[in-house]
Every structure is written in C-alpha cells, then in structure tokens.
Amino acid sequence: MRILIRTSKWAVWARRLGGLAIPLTLVPVLMHRQGFLDSGLFLVVALFAGLVAALAVIAALIALVRLWYTGDQGWGRALLGLFLGLVCLVPYAWYGSLALRYPVVTDIATAPRGELPLLFEPDTAAMPPPRVLTAEEQQLYFPNATRRTYPLDAFQLFALVQRLAEAQGWDIRQSREPGADGEPGRINARITTLPGWREEAVLRVSPTSGGSAVDMRSASIGALHDLGSNGERISDFLVALDNDVTAFLRDNPNINQPVAVEAEDPAPEVQTGN
C-alpha cells in the first residue's frame, strides 16, 4: 500500500510569491534610476512589490507550521520563499527606520532659499511645495548643516568647493565662479539616490570681511520624504570641506599673509663737479 505524500500548497505559493517579489523589487528601481519610470508610478509599484514580498513571508510561515504537523512535502519551497521574501523586505525595513528617525522634510538650506535657487528644469517646475523644518528643528536633527566661514578669499574657497563637489560624483549642471566685483560663486548639481529619487544641491561661495563663506541647499525634486538624505548630505559635505580647508591652510600657512615689500636701496649721489 502506497502512502500518498502531498506537497503543501502554501509552500508552492510561498515560492511563487518570493520569486515574483525579486523582479518587482529590482526592475522598478533600475527603471526609476534611468528615468524610464516616473516617481509617482515608481512609488505605487514599490508598494505593490513590498506587499507581494510580505505575502511570500506570510505564506512561507504558514507552510512551515503546516509542514511540521502534516509531514507533507515542500520544506525547500517554503524556506526559499521565506528567504526571497525577507531579502525583498530588507530595503523596506531600512527606509522605514529612516522614516521613523527623521522628520518629514524635502528641503534643507543654510540660508534663505531664495538666495540658493534651483535650476529651472521640467521636473523642478512640477515638483510639489517643499516641506521644510524650523531653524530649531534643523539645528536639532542636523547640527552640522550650518553656514561656514573661512579665512580664504572667495576664489580659493570656490576651487576647494568645486573640487569636493566633483569628488562626490555629482552631476554638476552649472558652475559660476565668484566675480571680481563681489558677486558670489554658485554651483548647481544633481544627485540620484539609490532608489532613483532626484535631488539637487546648490552651493554658494560669497566674500566676507574676513575671508569668504559657504552656504548650501539640498532639495528633493519629487519625493514626499527625503528620509534624511538632504540634511545628511549638507552635513557630510560641509564637514568634509572643513577638513579640506584645514589641510589647505596647514600646507599653505602663508597663503593669506601680505607679501613683504623689500625696501629699495637709496639712489647713489651724482657728482656734478661743482
């Protein structure tokens, strides 16, 4: 007499859902990064992919419990579905933790935003109104996102700022050096985050009485929540600039010292013969 051993349907569905969750999670991210998928549709697809991954985990857990009691086949399918579902849920858990850690904000600046304008592009024109923090909230969450002043002239500082911006791998869309008449220098650069959200950084270098100052703005173009990326970008950039300026001043201790003018030797007296 043969004993029929069935394959758990829950295990089969766990494997199917887990296998479906992988492309649903990865493909939209790649399309969003390349600009083939707009941000609104990407958000819908990402939420659907997270739902499929969660269903795969639930189906796998139910399958494992039933397999333990029934002795049916399907352990491999259930465990694979559980693994694939959990892998797909890792980004959601990570970004969920960031959403709980940071306040809802899409635009951070160290100066009035009107002084640090974004470039006018089609996606910028369609972006929703920015969500901003009060000065107290910005100081609380991003204490390093503040204006910097250095004992360097605007041209020297602008060169350091531009070099650091290029080292970040940002897409620099506009770069204007400081003017001889005191006009500030400005850099506008685009950044694409890992999931494909577009953000723009604006840097301004302006002369001051004792040197020059740097202000910075970072804004999300289409996201509803930047998950702390803009504030952290400004903080990290300005801290890195602090280090670069410190190293520059250390290697050039006399960079701002006035050049001593050597006294001219007195002209020899001319004998007139009188």
Protein backbone atom coordinates (compact mmCIF):
# COMPACT_ATOMS: atom_id res chain seq x y z
CA MET A 1 0.00 0.00 0.00
CA ARG A 2 1.49 3.33 -1.08
CA ILE A 3 1.25 6.32 1.23
CA LEU A 4 0.50 9.49 -0.67
CA ILE A 5 2.65 12.41 0.45
CA ARG A 6 1.26 15.72 -0.73
CA THR A 7 3.11 18.92 -1.49
CA SER A 8 1.93 21.85 0.59
CA LYS A 9 0.05 24.43 -1.49
CA TRP A 10 1.18 27.10 0.94
CA ALA A 11 4.80 26.19 0.22
CA VAL A 12 4.18 26.34 -3.52
CA TRP A 13 2.60 29.79 -3.22
CA ALA A 14 5.40 31.00 -0.93
CA ARG A 15 7.95 30.03 -3.58
CA ARG A 16 5.94 31.66 -6.36
CA LEU A 17 5.38 34.90 -4.47
CA GLY A 18 9.02 35.09 -3.38
CA GLY A 19 10.19 34.58 -6.95
CA LEU A 20 7.81 37.28 -8.16
CA ALA A 21 8.89 39.75 -5.46
CA ILE A 22 12.52 39.79 -6.64
CA PRO A 23 11.93 41.31 -10.10
CA LEU A 24 9.12 43.50 -8.76
CA THR A 25 11.62 45.00 -6.30
CA LEU A 26 14.68 45.33 -8.54
CA VAL A 27 13.35 46.20 -12.00
CA PRO A 28 11.39 49.33 -10.97
CA VAL A 29 14.45 50.68 -9.13
CA LEU A 30 16.59 50.29 -12.25
CA MET A 31 13.89 51.89 -14.41
CA HIS A 32 13.44 54.74 -11.94
CA ARG A 33 17.17 55.43 -11.82
CA GLN A 34 17.35 55.56 -15.62
CA GLY A 35 14.32 57.84 -15.88
CA PHE A 36 12.06 55.30 -17.59
CA LEU A 37 9.61 55.31 -14.67
CA ASP A 38 8.24 58.49 -13.13
CA SER A 39 8.35 58.90 -9.36
CA GLY A 40 4.60 58.60 -8.79
CA LEU A 41 4.31 55.28 -10.64
CA PHE A 42 7.51 54.03 -9.05
CA LEU A 43 6.06 54.59 -5.58
CA VAL A 44 2.94 52.58 -6.48
CA VAL A 45 4.99 49.70 -7.92
CA ALA A 46 7.35 49.73 -4.93
CA LEU A 47 4.43 49.46 -2.52
CA PHE A 48 2.97 46.59 -4.55
CA ALA A 49 6.33 44.80 -4.54
CA GLY A 50 6.53 45.18 -0.76
CA LEU A 51 3.04 43.69 -0.44
CA VAL A 52 3.99 40.69 -2.59
CA ALA A 53 7.15 40.14 -0.52
CA ALA A 54 5.15 40.32 2.71
CA LEU A 55 2.63 37.79 1.35
CA ALA A 56 5.52 35.47 0.44
CA VAL A 57 6.80 35.59 4.02
CA ILE A 58 3.34 35.01 5.46
CA ALA A 59 2.66 32.10 3.10
CA ALA A 60 6.06 30.58 3.94
CA LEU A 61 5.47 30.80 7.69
CA ILE A 62 2.04 29.19 7.35
CA ALA A 63 3.57 26.49 5.15
CA LEU A 64 6.32 25.74 7.66
CA VAL A 65 3.82 25.37 10.50
CA ARG A 66 1.57 23.07 8.47
CA LEU A 67 4.53 21.01 7.24
CA TRP A 68 5.65 20.48 10.81
CA TYR A 69 2.31 18.91 11.74
CA THR A 70 1.29 17.20 8.49
CA GLY A 71 4.56 15.81 7.21
CA ASP A 72 3.80 16.98 3.68
CA GLN A 73 6.47 17.89 1.16
CA GLY A 74 7.53 21.44 0.47
CA TRP A 75 10.17 22.37 3.02
CA GLY A 76 12.56 23.58 0.35
CA ARG A 77 9.91 25.67 -1.41
CA ALA A 78 8.74 27.19 1.87
CA LEU A 79 12.23 28.09 3.04
CA LEU A 80 13.17 29.53 -0.35
CA GLY A 81 10.01 31.62 -0.45
CA LEU A 82 10.74 32.83 3.10
CA PHE A 83 14.31 33.77 2.16
CA LEU A 84 13.34 35.63 -1.02
CA GLY A 85 10.55 37.49 0.74
CA LEU A 86 12.80 38.57 3.60
CA VAL A 87 15.52 39.72 1.19
CA CYS A 88 13.00 41.91 -0.63
CA LEU A 89 11.71 43.34 2.65
CA VAL A 90 15.18 44.44 3.87
CA PRO A 91 15.10 47.78 1.95
CA TYR A 92 11.59 48.48 3.27
CA ALA A 93 12.74 47.86 6.82
CA TRP A 94 15.77 50.12 6.32
CA TYR A 95 13.87 53.01 4.80
CA GLY A 96 11.10 52.54 7.34
CA SER A 97 13.63 53.01 10.12
CA LEU A 98 14.85 56.21 8.43
CA ALA A 99 11.28 57.47 8.17
CA LEU A 100 10.90 56.99 11.93
CA ARG A 101 14.27 58.58 12.67
CA TYR A 102 13.96 61.75 10.58
CA PRO A 103 11.12 64.28 10.33
CA VAL A 104 9.15 64.68 7.11
CA VAL A 105 11.18 67.22 5.12
CA THR A 106 12.25 67.64 1.49
CA ASP A 107 14.34 70.82 1.51
CA ILE A 108 17.24 71.82 3.80
CA ALA A 109 19.25 75.05 3.47
CA THR A 110 21.74 77.09 5.48
CA ALA A 111 20.46 80.39 4.03
CA PRO A 112 17.13 81.71 2.71
CA ARG A 113 16.06 79.51 -0.19
CA GLY A 114 15.52 82.48 -2.45
CA GLU A 115 19.27 83.10 -2.32
CA LEU A 116 20.02 79.50 -3.35
CA PRO A 117 17.72 78.89 -6.34
CA LEU A 118 17.31 75.53 -8.03
CA LEU A 119 17.78 75.23 -11.78
CA PHE A 120 14.56 75.58 -13.70
CA GLU A 121 14.02 72.22 -15.39
CA PRO A 122 10.83 70.31 -16.27
CA ASP A 123 10.88 68.14 -13.15
CA THR A 124 11.70 71.17 -10.97
CA ALA A 125 8.71 73.06 -12.35
CA ALA A 126 6.42 70.12 -11.48
CA MET A 127 7.81 69.44 -8.01
CA PRO A 128 5.42 69.75 -5.05
CA PRO A 129 5.82 72.54 -2.48
CA PRO A 130 8.86 71.87 -0.28
CA ARG A 131 8.49 70.57 3.23
CA VAL A 132 10.87 72.44 5.49
CA LEU A 133 11.97 72.49 9.11
CA THR A 134 12.08 75.35 11.54
CA ALA A 135 15.51 76.67 12.49
CA GLU A 136 15.24 74.91 15.86
CA GLU A 137 14.30 71.57 14.27
CA GLN A 138 17.10 71.81 11.72
CA GLN A 139 19.62 72.52 14.49
CA LEU A 140 18.28 69.54 16.44
CA TYR A 141 18.40 66.96 13.64
CA PHE A 142 21.29 68.34 11.55
CA PRO A 143 23.57 70.40 13.82
CA ASN A 144 26.39 70.42 11.22
CA ALA A 145 24.18 71.87 8.47
CA THR A 146 25.16 75.46 9.12
CA ARG A 147 26.93 78.23 7.22
CA ARG A 148 30.73 78.02 7.12
CA THR A 149 33.16 80.95 7.06
CA TYR A 150 36.86 80.52 6.31
CA PRO A 151 39.94 82.80 6.19
CA LEU A 152 40.29 82.29 2.43
CA ASP A 153 39.32 84.55 -0.40
CA ALA A 154 36.30 83.58 -2.49
CA PHE A 155 38.34 82.30 -5.45
CA GLN A 156 40.45 79.98 -3.31
CA LEU A 157 37.42 78.65 -1.46
CA PHE A 158 35.39 78.17 -4.63
CA ALA A 159 38.15 76.00 -6.08
CA LEU A 160 38.07 73.76 -3.00
CA VAL A 161 34.27 73.58 -3.05
CA GLN A 162 34.15 72.65 -6.72
CA ARG A 163 36.84 70.01 -6.35
CA LEU A 164 34.97 68.44 -3.44
CA ALA A 165 31.65 68.51 -5.32
CA GLU A 166 33.26 66.76 -8.29
CA ALA A 167 34.78 64.16 -5.95
CA GLN A 168 31.26 63.31 -4.72
CA GLY A 169 30.35 62.14 -8.21
CA TRP A 170 27.53 64.67 -8.53
CA ASP A 171 26.25 65.76 -11.92
CA ILE A 172 27.28 69.42 -11.98
CA ARG A 173 24.78 71.29 -14.14
CA GLN A 174 26.04 74.83 -13.55
CA SER A 175 29.24 76.31 -12.15
CA ARG A 176 29.84 80.06 -11.91
CA GLU A 177 32.98 81.41 -10.28
CA PRO A 178 32.85 84.42 -7.94
CA GLY A 179 33.01 87.76 -9.69
CA ALA A 180 35.71 90.34 -9.18
CA ASP A 181 33.03 92.79 -8.07
CA GLY A 182 31.99 90.63 -5.10
CA GLU A 183 29.37 88.58 -6.96
CA PRO A 184 29.04 85.17 -5.22
CA GLY A 185 30.03 81.98 -6.98
CA ARG A 186 27.46 79.21 -7.34
CA ILE A 187 27.33 75.52 -8.18
CA ASN A 188 24.16 73.56 -9.01
CA ALA A 189 24.45 69.79 -9.07
CA ARG A 190 22.04 66.87 -9.44
CA ILE A 191 22.19 63.70 -7.34
CA THR A 192 20.38 60.41 -7.94
CA THR A 193 19.77 58.42 -4.77
CA LEU A 194 20.00 54.62 -4.66
CA PRO A 195 16.24 54.08 -5.30
CA GLY A 196 16.36 56.66 -8.10
CA TRP A 197 14.98 59.83 -6.48
CA ARG A 198 16.39 63.06 -7.93
CA GLU A 199 17.79 65.70 -5.61
CA GLU A 200 19.61 68.97 -6.27
CA ALA A 201 22.42 70.57 -4.31
CA VAL A 202 23.15 74.30 -4.50
CA LEU A 203 26.42 75.73 -3.22
CA ARG A 204 27.19 79.44 -2.87
CA VAL A 205 30.58 80.96 -2.10
CA SER A 206 30.42 84.65 -1.13
CA PRO A 207 33.12 87.05 0.07
CA THR A 208 33.06 88.36 3.65
CA SER A 209 35.06 90.94 5.53
CA GLY A 210 37.48 88.36 6.90
CA GLY A 211 37.52 85.85 4.06
CA SER A 212 34.58 84.05 2.46
CA ALA A 213 31.55 81.95 3.39
CA VAL A 214 29.81 78.84 2.05
CA ASP A 215 26.06 78.24 2.09
CA MET A 216 24.38 75.10 0.85
CA ARG A 217 20.93 73.86 -0.05
CA SER A 218 19.80 70.33 -0.85
CA ALA A 219 16.26 69.60 -2.06
CA SER A 220 14.31 66.56 -3.23
CA ILE A 221 12.71 67.03 -6.63
CA GLY A 222 9.77 64.62 -6.45
CA ALA A 223 9.93 62.71 -3.16
CA LEU A 224 7.41 63.21 -0.37
CA HIS A 225 10.03 62.46 2.32
CA ASP A 226 13.79 62.66 1.88
CA LEU A 227 14.44 60.21 4.73
CA GLY A 228 17.22 62.45 5.99
CA SER A 229 19.26 62.44 2.77
CA ASN A 230 19.30 66.21 2.23
CA GLY A 231 20.31 67.13 5.76
CA GLU A 232 22.93 64.40 5.92
CA ARG A 233 24.31 65.45 2.52
CA ILE A 234 24.81 69.03 3.67
CA SER A 235 26.31 67.93 6.98
CA ASP A 236 28.72 65.46 5.37
CA PHE A 237 29.77 67.89 2.64
CA LEU A 238 30.48 70.79 4.99
CA VAL A 239 32.37 68.59 7.45
CA ALA A 240 34.47 67.29 4.54
CA LEU A 241 35.02 70.90 3.44
CA ASP A 242 36.16 71.78 6.96
CA ASN A 243 38.79 69.07 6.69
CA ASP A 244 39.90 70.17 3.21
CA VAL A 245 40.24 73.80 4.27
CA THR A 246 42.16 72.78 7.39
CA ALA A 247 44.57 70.71 5.31
CA PHE A 248 44.93 73.52 2.77
CA LEU A 249 45.77 76.07 5.45
CA ARG A 250 48.18 73.65 7.10
CA ASP A 251 50.03 73.06 3.82
CA ASN A 252 49.98 76.76 2.94
CA PRO A 253 50.49 78.62 6.21
CA ASN A 254 51.34 81.92 4.50
CA ILE A 255 48.55 81.82 1.94
CA ASN A 256 46.88 84.94 3.28
CA GLN A 257 49.90 86.77 4.59
CA PRO A 258 50.69 90.07 2.84
CA VAL A 259 53.76 89.98 0.66
CA ALA A 260 56.57 91.97 2.23
CA VAL A 261 57.86 94.73 0.00
CA GLU A 262 61.62 94.96 0.04
CA ALA A 263 62.97 98.46 0.70
CA GLU A 264 64.69 99.92 -2.28
CA ASP A 265 68.33 100.94 -1.94
CA PRO A 266 68.77 104.71 -2.00
CA ALA A 267 69.97 106.05 -5.31
CA PRO A 268 73.67 106.96 -5.34
CA GLU A 269 74.53 110.62 -5.28
CA VAL A 270 75.52 112.07 -8.59
CA GLN A 271 78.72 114.09 -8.70
CA THR A 272 78.06 117.33 -10.58
CA GLY A 273 81.59 118.67 -10.39
CA ASN A 274 80.51 121.91 -8.65
